[in-house]
């Protein structure tokens, strides 16, 4: 997270997803995440995953496994269901 990479977290449970992402940001204290931060991204905004800047975004698991119209490269994917 301190290397300012693009990170996508996915989980079936929205509560777990949101809590884990907020907990991750609490772990970097006293530093602060200065980039895009979306704990739960709505399906209608899924194209935001192609953004070229660093981000931390949470999505539902079925969106992570579905085919998208754009290519996502150099992204760290974290499965919170495992």
Protein backbone atom coordinates (compact mmCIF):
# COMPACT_ATOMS: atom_id res chain seq x y z
CA UNK A 1 0.00 0.00 0.00
CA UNK A 2 2.88 2.39 0.66
CA UNK A 3 4.19 1.78 -2.86
CA UNK A 4 1.07 3.54 -4.22
CA UNK A 5 -0.14 0.76 -6.48
CA UNK A 6 -3.59 0.07 -7.86
CA UNK A 7 -5.33 -2.35 -5.48
CA UNK A 8 -8.67 -4.07 -5.95
CA UNK A 9 -10.23 -5.90 -3.02
CA UNK A 10 -13.16 -8.20 -3.63
CA UNK A 11 -15.54 -10.06 -1.35
CA UNK A 12 -19.10 -11.41 -1.37
CA UNK A 13 -20.00 -9.60 1.85
CA UNK A 14 -20.08 -5.80 1.56
CA UNK A 15 -19.63 -5.29 5.30
CA UNK A 16 -16.45 -7.39 5.38
CA UNK A 17 -15.19 -5.64 2.26
CA UNK A 18 -15.66 -2.17 3.69
CA UNK A 19 -14.26 -3.03 7.13
CA UNK A 20 -11.12 -4.66 5.72
CA UNK A 21 -10.35 -1.74 3.42
CA UNK A 22 -10.85 0.80 6.22
CA UNK A 23 -8.72 -1.38 8.51
CA UNK A 24 -5.93 -1.43 5.95
CA UNK A 25 -5.85 2.35 5.86
CA UNK A 26 -5.72 2.45 9.65
CA UNK A 27 -2.59 0.27 9.54
CA UNK A 28 -0.58 2.85 7.61
CA UNK A 29 -1.03 5.54 10.30
CA UNK A 30 0.65 8.08 10.60
CA UNK A 31 0.71 8.06 6.80
CA UNK A 32 -2.40 8.90 4.78
CA UNK A 33 -3.65 7.50 1.47
CA UNK A 34 -3.78 10.51 -0.88
CA UNK A 35 -5.21 8.77 -3.96
CA UNK A 36 -8.57 7.36 -5.06
CA UNK A 37 -10.32 5.47 -2.27
CA UNK A 38 -13.67 3.74 -2.91
CA UNK A 39 -14.51 1.09 -0.28
CA UNK A 40 -17.43 -0.29 -2.33
CA UNK A 41 -17.59 0.54 -6.03
CA UNK A 42 -21.07 0.32 -7.58
CA UNK A 43 -21.39 -1.97 -10.59
CA UNK A 44 -22.39 0.98 -12.78
CA UNK A 45 -18.94 2.54 -12.21
CA UNK A 46 -16.89 -0.60 -12.96
CA UNK A 47 -15.00 1.24 -15.74
CA UNK A 48 -13.18 3.20 -13.01
CA UNK A 49 -10.99 0.12 -12.56
CA UNK A 50 -9.16 1.16 -15.74
CA UNK A 51 -7.98 4.41 -14.14
CA UNK A 52 -4.22 4.88 -14.59
CA UNK A 53 -3.58 6.40 -11.15
CA UNK A 54 -3.13 4.56 -7.82
CA UNK A 55 -6.34 3.53 -6.11
CA UNK A 56 -7.86 1.30 -3.46
CA UNK A 57 -11.23 0.02 -4.62
CA UNK A 58 -13.55 -2.65 -3.25
CA UNK A 59 -15.92 -4.63 -5.48
CA UNK A 60 -18.27 -7.59 -5.17
CA UNK A 61 -16.65 -10.96 -5.99
CA UNK A 62 -18.77 -11.66 -9.04
CA UNK A 63 -17.48 -8.45 -10.65
CA UNK A 64 -13.88 -9.52 -10.16
CA UNK A 65 -14.52 -12.80 -11.97
CA UNK A 66 -16.59 -11.38 -14.82
CA UNK A 67 -15.16 -10.41 -18.16
CA UNK A 68 -14.70 -6.69 -18.62
CA UNK A 69 -14.36 -4.67 -21.80
CA UNK A 70 -11.02 -3.20 -20.74
CA UNK A 71 -7.70 -4.65 -19.73
CA UNK A 72 -6.50 -4.20 -16.19
CA UNK A 73 -2.73 -4.42 -15.87
CA UNK A 74 -0.37 -4.00 -12.94
CA UNK A 75 -3.15 -4.31 -10.39
CA UNK A 76 -2.96 -6.08 -7.05
CA UNK A 77 -6.07 -8.25 -6.57
CA UNK A 78 -6.96 -9.27 -3.01
CA UNK A 79 -9.61 -11.95 -2.40
CA UNK A 80 -11.09 -11.35 1.05
CA UNK A 81 -13.25 -14.49 0.90
CA UNK A 82 -10.24 -16.77 1.30
